[in-house]
Amino acid sequence: MSILVTGGVGYIGSHTCVELLNCGYEVIIVDSLLNSKLEVVKRVKEITGKDFRFYQIDLLNKIELEQVFSENNIEAVVHFAGLKAVGESVLNPIHYYDSNINTTINLCELMQKYKVNKMVFSSSATVYGTPHKVPIKEDFPLIPTNPYGQTKLVIENLLYDLYVSDNKWGISILRYFNPIGAHRSGKIGEDPKGTPNNLMPFLTQVAIGKLPKLQVFGNNYPTIDGTGVRDYIHVVDLALGHVKALQKTLSSTGIAVYNLGTGNGYSVIQVKEALERVSKVKIPYEILNRRPGDVAICYADATKAKNELGWEAKKGLEQMCQDAWKWQENNPNGYH
């Protein structure tokens, strides 16, 4: 029996595939390679010393996707595939609704047809929108402020309705916060297209000389140094959270949602200074105006994942920065 990982060549998906393979699972990866590189498949095999099937398929192509189900004995699905840039979703909402929601509908229809009723879904803390307080718990109001977050919430609701229609389903919805870092080998990491949208790859690209300086959006928030505070979690901790969720999902029915975060918040300047300590490179920066929709402080309450999944984040900020910097030094131009 195999675990189908959609979007398994992406940043979080590839790290999760490594941990699944290390735990002895057979893995099948489906990825369109729209926002990822084929090189990752080779590197995951190098890290784990294990082989697996890879299909280059867009989940919008239901005929090709069905071939994966007909050719393999699939036990469960870990569903990462989807577009994920908040800014891009604001500019092109139809594309995001089409890609993220319709791909999931195709996937769920085929899971029903082939009687695969176990899923771990990659959601996001963006479904909470602007939280009324922190730390954020799973029962907080869900009010996304952008199309990307809206698509995640639509899919969550779809999965709830799917379970109501058939109680044989076992589904875990994982809402995660701000993944950073890379595999300790330095072989796989975050390789964004163009100018990074996320803080850590922006920082490491400034440190290595690819970008001139860090742009900090706002320094007048009510925080320790005026810059925004977020819950940064090591991508390997996040991957291990998916393994724990899969183990629970395989052994039970029902639907449950879990925050995956550290429960700690770090400001932009604190992360910058931590990377400076690790890289021994001074990182220049400039202060710009706040971005619309950005909140001052956002971090998780991950107690539920600890109590029900036996999972908690173990790696601290220094380790996150060390591993992110090792990846950047080893791969100054990403996977190219």
Protein backbone atom coordinates (compact mmCIF):
# COMPACT_ATOMS: atom_id res chain seq x y z
CA MET A 1 0.00 0.00 0.00
CA SER A 2 1.29 3.44 -0.95
CA ILE A 3 0.86 7.03 0.17
CA LEU A 4 0.06 9.41 -2.68
CA VAL A 5 1.64 12.83 -2.12
CA THR A 6 0.28 15.57 -4.38
CA GLY A 7 2.64 18.51 -4.77
CA GLY A 8 5.37 16.30 -3.33
CA VAL A 9 8.18 18.08 -5.19
CA GLY A 10 7.43 21.44 -3.55
CA TYR A 11 9.15 22.92 -0.51
CA ILE A 12 7.02 21.36 2.24
CA GLY A 13 5.98 18.34 0.17
CA SER A 14 9.55 17.26 -0.56
CA HIS A 15 10.57 17.44 3.10
CA THR A 16 7.47 15.45 4.04
CA CYS A 17 8.30 12.79 1.43
CA VAL A 18 11.76 12.43 2.99
CA GLU A 19 10.24 11.82 6.44
CA LEU A 20 7.60 9.42 5.08
CA LEU A 21 10.27 7.38 3.27
CA ASN A 22 12.47 7.40 6.37
CA CYS A 23 9.51 6.01 8.35
CA GLY A 24 9.15 3.11 5.90
CA TYR A 25 6.15 4.29 3.86
CA GLU A 26 5.96 3.65 0.13
CA VAL A 27 5.48 7.00 -1.58
CA ILE A 28 4.04 8.04 -4.95
CA ILE A 29 4.51 11.69 -5.95
CA VAL A 30 2.27 13.63 -8.32
CA ASP A 31 3.43 17.15 -9.19
CA SER A 32 2.89 19.46 -12.16
CA LEU A 33 6.35 21.05 -11.68
CA LEU A 34 4.68 24.45 -12.17
CA ASN A 35 6.38 25.85 -9.08
CA SER A 36 8.98 23.13 -8.43
CA LYS A 37 11.96 21.44 -10.07
CA LEU A 38 12.48 17.86 -11.24
CA GLU A 39 15.91 17.94 -9.58
CA VAL A 40 14.13 17.59 -6.22
CA VAL A 41 13.01 14.03 -7.09
CA LYS A 42 16.64 12.98 -7.53
CA ARG A 43 17.73 14.66 -4.32
CA VAL A 44 14.96 13.08 -2.22
CA LYS A 45 16.14 9.70 -3.50
CA GLU A 46 19.74 10.61 -2.62
CA ILE A 47 18.82 11.69 0.92
CA THR A 48 16.70 8.64 1.71
CA GLY A 49 18.42 5.99 -0.40
CA LYS A 50 14.95 4.90 -1.51
CA ASP A 51 13.15 4.80 -4.84
CA PHE A 52 9.56 5.82 -5.56
CA ARG A 53 7.24 6.56 -8.45
CA PHE A 54 6.90 10.10 -9.76
CA TYR A 55 4.21 11.35 -12.15
CA GLN A 56 4.36 14.80 -13.75
CA ILE A 57 0.62 15.52 -13.81
CA ASP A 58 -1.53 18.58 -13.23
CA LEU A 59 -4.43 17.56 -10.98
CA LEU A 60 -6.76 19.50 -13.27
CA ASN A 61 -6.17 16.68 -15.75
CA LYS A 62 -8.49 14.09 -14.27
CA ILE A 63 -7.83 11.48 -16.95
CA GLU A 64 -4.09 11.44 -16.27
CA LEU A 65 -4.67 11.55 -12.51
CA GLU A 66 -6.93 8.50 -12.71
CA GLN A 67 -4.05 6.59 -14.26
CA VAL A 68 -2.16 7.01 -10.97
CA PHE A 69 -5.04 5.47 -9.03
CA SER A 70 -5.53 2.61 -11.49
CA GLU A 71 -1.83 1.71 -11.59
CA ASN A 72 -1.17 1.80 -7.84
CA ASN A 73 -2.61 0.45 -4.62
CA ILE A 74 -3.11 3.73 -2.76
CA GLU A 75 -3.95 3.70 0.93
CA ALA A 76 -4.03 7.43 1.71
CA VAL A 77 -3.36 10.86 0.20
CA VAL A 78 -1.30 13.75 1.56
CA HIS A 79 -2.57 16.72 -0.42
CA PHE A 80 -0.16 19.65 -0.86
CA ALA A 81 -0.78 20.53 -4.51
CA GLY A 82 -2.00 24.08 -5.08
CA LEU A 83 -1.02 27.66 -5.70
CA LYS A 84 0.16 29.49 -2.59
CA ALA A 85 1.22 33.12 -3.16
CA VAL A 86 -1.10 35.52 -1.32
CA GLY A 87 -0.22 38.55 -3.47
CA GLU A 88 -0.66 36.63 -6.69
CA SER A 89 -4.05 35.36 -5.51
CA VAL A 90 -5.24 38.95 -5.03
CA LEU A 91 -4.21 39.82 -8.60
CA ASN A 92 -5.59 36.62 -10.18
CA PRO A 93 -8.36 35.19 -7.97
CA ILE A 94 -10.09 33.17 -10.72
CA HIS A 95 -6.86 31.27 -11.40
CA TYR A 96 -6.52 30.45 -7.70
CA TYR A 97 -10.12 29.30 -7.27
CA ASP A 98 -9.88 27.19 -10.40
CA SER A 99 -6.56 25.60 -9.59
CA ASN A 100 -6.87 25.01 -5.85
CA ILE A 101 -10.53 24.01 -5.63
CA ASN A 102 -11.07 22.11 -8.88
CA THR A 103 -7.90 20.07 -8.43
CA THR A 104 -9.15 19.02 -5.00
CA ILE A 105 -12.57 18.09 -6.39
CA ASN A 106 -10.91 15.91 -9.05
CA LEU A 107 -8.76 14.27 -6.39
CA CYS A 108 -11.68 13.60 -4.02
CA GLU A 109 -13.85 12.16 -6.81
CA LEU A 110 -11.11 9.69 -7.73
CA MET A 111 -10.51 8.84 -4.07
CA GLN A 112 -14.22 8.01 -3.77
CA LYS A 113 -14.16 5.93 -6.96
CA TYR A 114 -11.13 3.90 -5.83
CA LYS A 115 -12.28 3.70 -2.19
CA VAL A 116 -9.34 5.66 -0.80
CA ASN A 117 -10.85 7.49 2.16
CA LYS A 118 -7.85 8.71 4.15
CA MET A 119 -6.46 12.22 3.60
CA VAL A 120 -4.10 14.69 5.22
CA PHE A 121 -4.81 18.16 3.81
CA SER A 122 -2.32 21.02 3.72
CA SER A 123 -4.28 24.07 4.84
CA SER A 124 -2.92 27.34 6.22
CA ALA A 125 -3.16 29.77 9.10
CA THR A 126 -4.38 32.31 6.52
CA VAL A 127 -7.88 30.89 7.08
CA TYR A 128 -7.95 32.79 10.40
CA GLY A 129 -7.52 36.17 8.72
CA THR A 130 -6.76 38.86 11.29
CA PRO A 131 -6.91 37.12 14.69
CA HIS A 132 -8.64 38.92 17.54
CA LYS A 133 -5.98 37.66 19.98
CA VAL A 134 -3.00 35.32 20.21
CA PRO A 135 -2.11 32.51 20.49
CA ILE A 136 -4.47 31.30 17.76
CA LYS A 137 -6.57 28.23 18.54
CA GLU A 138 -8.34 25.94 16.09
CA ASP A 139 -11.80 27.13 17.15
CA PHE A 140 -11.11 30.80 16.34
CA PRO A 141 -13.32 32.47 13.69
CA LEU A 142 -12.30 31.72 10.11
CA ILE A 143 -12.27 34.98 8.13
CA PRO A 144 -9.64 34.84 5.36
CA THR A 145 -8.58 38.22 3.98
CA ASN A 146 -7.33 37.09 0.55
CA PRO A 147 -8.34 34.65 -2.22
CA TYR A 148 -5.58 32.16 -1.33
CA GLY A 149 -6.95 31.84 2.21
CA GLN A 150 -10.50 31.67 0.86
CA THR A 151 -9.61 28.69 -1.35
CA LYS A 152 -8.14 26.86 1.65
CA LEU A 153 -11.31 27.49 3.64
CA VAL A 154 -13.55 26.33 0.76
CA ILE A 155 -11.56 23.08 0.62
CA GLU A 156 -11.79 22.62 4.40
CA ASN A 157 -15.59 22.99 4.16
CA LEU A 158 -15.68 20.55 1.24
CA LEU A 159 -13.81 17.97 3.31
CA TYR A 160 -16.18 18.44 6.26
CA ASP A 161 -19.15 17.88 3.94
CA LEU A 162 -17.44 14.84 2.45
CA TYR A 163 -17.07 13.29 5.90
CA VAL A 164 -20.71 14.06 6.76
CA SER A 165 -21.77 12.28 3.56
CA ASP A 166 -19.69 9.20 4.41
CA ASN A 167 -18.41 8.59 7.94
CA LYS A 168 -15.83 6.07 6.70
CA TRP A 169 -13.52 8.96 5.81
CA GLY A 170 -10.54 9.82 7.98
CA ILE A 171 -9.30 13.36 7.36
CA SER A 172 -6.72 15.56 9.09
CA ILE A 173 -6.61 19.25 8.20
CA LEU A 174 -3.30 20.89 9.08
CA ARG A 175 -3.13 24.66 9.41
CA TYR A 176 0.46 25.73 9.53
CA PHE A 177 2.11 28.99 10.18
CA ASN A 178 5.46 30.16 8.69
CA PRO A 179 7.73 27.30 7.57
CA ILE A 180 11.41 28.13 7.16
CA GLY A 181 14.70 26.22 7.21
CA ALA A 182 15.77 23.27 5.09
CA HIS A 183 16.89 19.65 5.34
CA ARG A 184 20.09 19.34 7.36
CA SER A 185 21.84 17.78 4.34
CA GLY A 186 21.56 21.07 2.46
CA LYS A 187 20.22 19.14 -0.55
CA ILE A 188 16.61 20.36 -0.47
CA GLY A 189 15.21 23.70 0.64
CA GLU A 190 13.05 26.65 -0.35
CA ASP A 191 13.69 27.80 -3.94
CA PRO A 192 11.17 30.51 -4.84
CA LYS A 193 10.72 31.74 -8.39
CA GLY A 194 11.79 35.36 -8.85
CA THR A 195 11.94 37.69 -5.86
CA PRO A 196 10.95 35.75 -2.71
CA ASN A 197 7.62 36.52 -1.05
CA ASN A 198 8.72 34.99 2.26
CA LEU A 199 11.14 36.42 4.80
CA MET A 200 13.76 33.67 5.10
CA PRO A 201 14.63 33.16 1.42
CA PHE A 202 14.71 36.95 1.05
CA LEU A 203 17.16 37.16 3.96
CA THR A 204 19.42 34.37 2.71
CA GLN A 205 19.48 35.84 -0.80
CA VAL A 206 20.56 39.21 0.61
CA ALA A 207 23.20 37.47 2.74
CA ILE A 208 24.63 35.61 -0.25
CA GLY A 209 24.61 38.72 -2.45
CA LYS A 210 21.73 37.96 -4.84
CA LEU A 211 19.55 40.79 -3.48
CA PRO A 212 20.79 44.21 -2.27
CA LYS A 213 18.87 44.59 1.00
CA LEU A 214 15.96 43.32 3.03
CA GLN A 215 12.68 45.18 2.79
CA VAL A 216 10.91 45.47 6.15
CA PHE A 217 7.26 46.42 5.88
CA GLY A 218 6.48 48.56 8.91
CA ASN A 219 8.41 49.26 12.12
CA ASN A 220 5.64 50.85 14.19
CA TYR A 221 3.70 47.76 15.28
CA PRO A 222 3.12 47.21 19.03
CA THR A 223 5.90 44.58 19.19
CA ILE A 224 9.34 44.21 20.78
CA ASP A 225 11.05 46.24 18.04
CA GLY A 226 8.13 47.56 15.99
CA THR A 227 8.34 44.91 13.26
CA GLY A 228 5.78 42.16 12.65
CA VAL A 229 5.92 38.99 14.76
CA ARG A 230 5.24 35.55 13.26
CA ASP A 231 5.39 31.91 14.29
CA TYR A 232 8.31 30.47 12.30
CA ILE A 233 8.50 26.68 12.26
CA HIS A 234 11.26 24.45 10.90
CA VAL A 235 10.09 22.72 7.73
CA VAL A 236 11.32 19.34 9.04
CA ASP A 237 9.23 19.75 12.21
CA LEU A 238 6.31 20.56 9.93
CA ALA A 239 7.00 17.45 7.82
CA LEU A 240 7.06 15.28 10.93
CA GLY A 241 3.67 16.76 11.86
CA HIS A 242 2.30 15.37 8.60
CA VAL A 243 3.70 11.93 9.43
CA LYS A 244 2.00 12.00 12.84
CA ALA A 245 -1.27 13.18 11.30
CA LEU A 246 -1.10 10.42 8.69
CA GLN A 247 -0.53 7.77 11.35
CA LYS A 248 -3.63 8.94 13.23
CA THR A 249 -5.69 9.23 10.05
CA LEU A 250 -4.80 5.72 8.88
CA SER A 251 -5.93 4.21 12.18
CA SER A 252 -9.22 6.08 12.66
CA THR A 253 -12.20 7.73 11.03
CA GLY A 254 -13.44 11.27 11.56
CA ILE A 255 -12.24 14.74 10.64
CA ALA A 256 -10.00 16.92 12.77
CA VAL A 257 -8.06 20.16 12.36
CA TYR A 258 -4.68 20.96 13.90
CA ASN A 259 -2.45 24.01 14.11
CA LEU A 260 1.19 23.25 13.40
CA GLY A 261 3.41 25.94 14.87
CA THR A 262 5.92 26.49 17.65
CA GLY A 263 3.73 28.66 19.87
CA ASN A 264 6.48 31.31 19.83
CA GLY A 265 6.62 34.54 17.87
CA TYR A 266 9.74 36.18 16.43
CA SER A 267 9.94 39.63 14.87
CA VAL A 268 11.43 40.35 11.45
CA ILE A 269 14.44 41.99 13.10
CA GLN A 270 14.95 39.04 15.48
CA VAL A 271 15.02 36.62 12.53
CA LYS A 272 17.40 38.93 10.63
CA GLU A 273 19.76 39.09 13.61
CA ALA A 274 19.65 35.31 14.09
CA LEU A 275 20.62 34.77 10.45
CA GLU A 276 23.42 37.33 10.81
CA ARG A 277 24.82 35.33 13.74
CA VAL A 278 24.70 32.10 11.76
CA SER A 279 26.01 33.44 8.43
CA LYS A 280 28.40 36.01 9.93
CA VAL A 281 27.14 38.40 7.25
CA LYS A 282 25.70 41.83 8.03
CA ILE A 283 22.31 42.14 6.31
CA PRO A 284 21.36 45.68 5.19
CA TYR A 285 17.68 46.59 5.32
CA GLU A 286 15.24 49.40 4.67
CA ILE A 287 11.96 50.24 6.35
CA LEU A 288 8.93 50.57 4.07
CA ASN A 289 5.27 51.28 4.79
CA ARG A 290 3.11 48.55 6.24
CA ARG A 291 1.41 46.26 3.73
CA PRO A 292 -2.41 46.22 3.72
CA GLY A 293 -3.75 43.24 5.65
CA ASP A 294 -0.59 42.52 7.62
CA VAL A 295 -1.18 41.96 11.34
CA ALA A 296 1.18 42.88 14.16
CA ILE A 297 1.44 39.51 15.93
CA CYS A 298 0.47 36.02 14.81
CA TYR A 299 1.45 32.75 16.47
CA ALA A 300 -0.14 29.38 17.11
CA ASP A 301 -1.52 27.45 20.01
CA ALA A 302 -0.42 23.95 18.99
CA THR A 303 -1.60 22.20 22.16
CA LYS A 304 -4.17 20.11 20.30
CA ALA A 305 -1.54 18.61 17.98
CA LYS A 306 0.61 17.75 21.00
CA ASN A 307 -2.27 16.12 22.89
CA GLU A 308 -3.91 14.23 20.00
CA LEU A 309 -1.03 13.57 17.57
CA GLY A 310 1.88 13.38 20.00
CA TRP A 311 3.65 16.06 17.96
CA GLU A 312 5.40 19.27 18.87
CA ALA A 313 7.99 21.46 17.18
CA LYS A 314 11.50 20.77 18.48
CA LYS A 315 13.85 23.03 16.49
CA GLY A 316 14.54 26.60 17.58
CA LEU A 317 15.20 29.74 15.57
CA GLU A 318 18.99 29.31 15.44
CA GLN A 319 18.61 25.81 13.94
CA MET A 320 16.10 27.09 11.41
CA CYS A 321 18.56 29.78 10.34
CA GLN A 322 21.54 27.40 10.26
CA ASP A 323 19.74 24.97 7.97
CA ALA A 324 18.33 27.71 5.73
CA TRP A 325 21.82 29.21 5.38
CA LYS A 326 23.43 25.84 4.62
CA TRP A 327 20.87 25.28 1.85
CA GLN A 328 21.54 28.75 0.39
CA GLU A 329 25.33 28.38 0.56
CA ASN A 330 25.21 24.93 -1.07
CA ASN A 331 22.71 26.12 -3.71
CA PRO A 332 23.33 29.83 -4.39
CA ASN A 333 21.09 29.65 -7.47
CA GLY A 334 18.56 27.22 -6.02
CA TYR A 335 18.09 23.98 -7.99
CA HIS A 336 19.49 25.46 -11.22
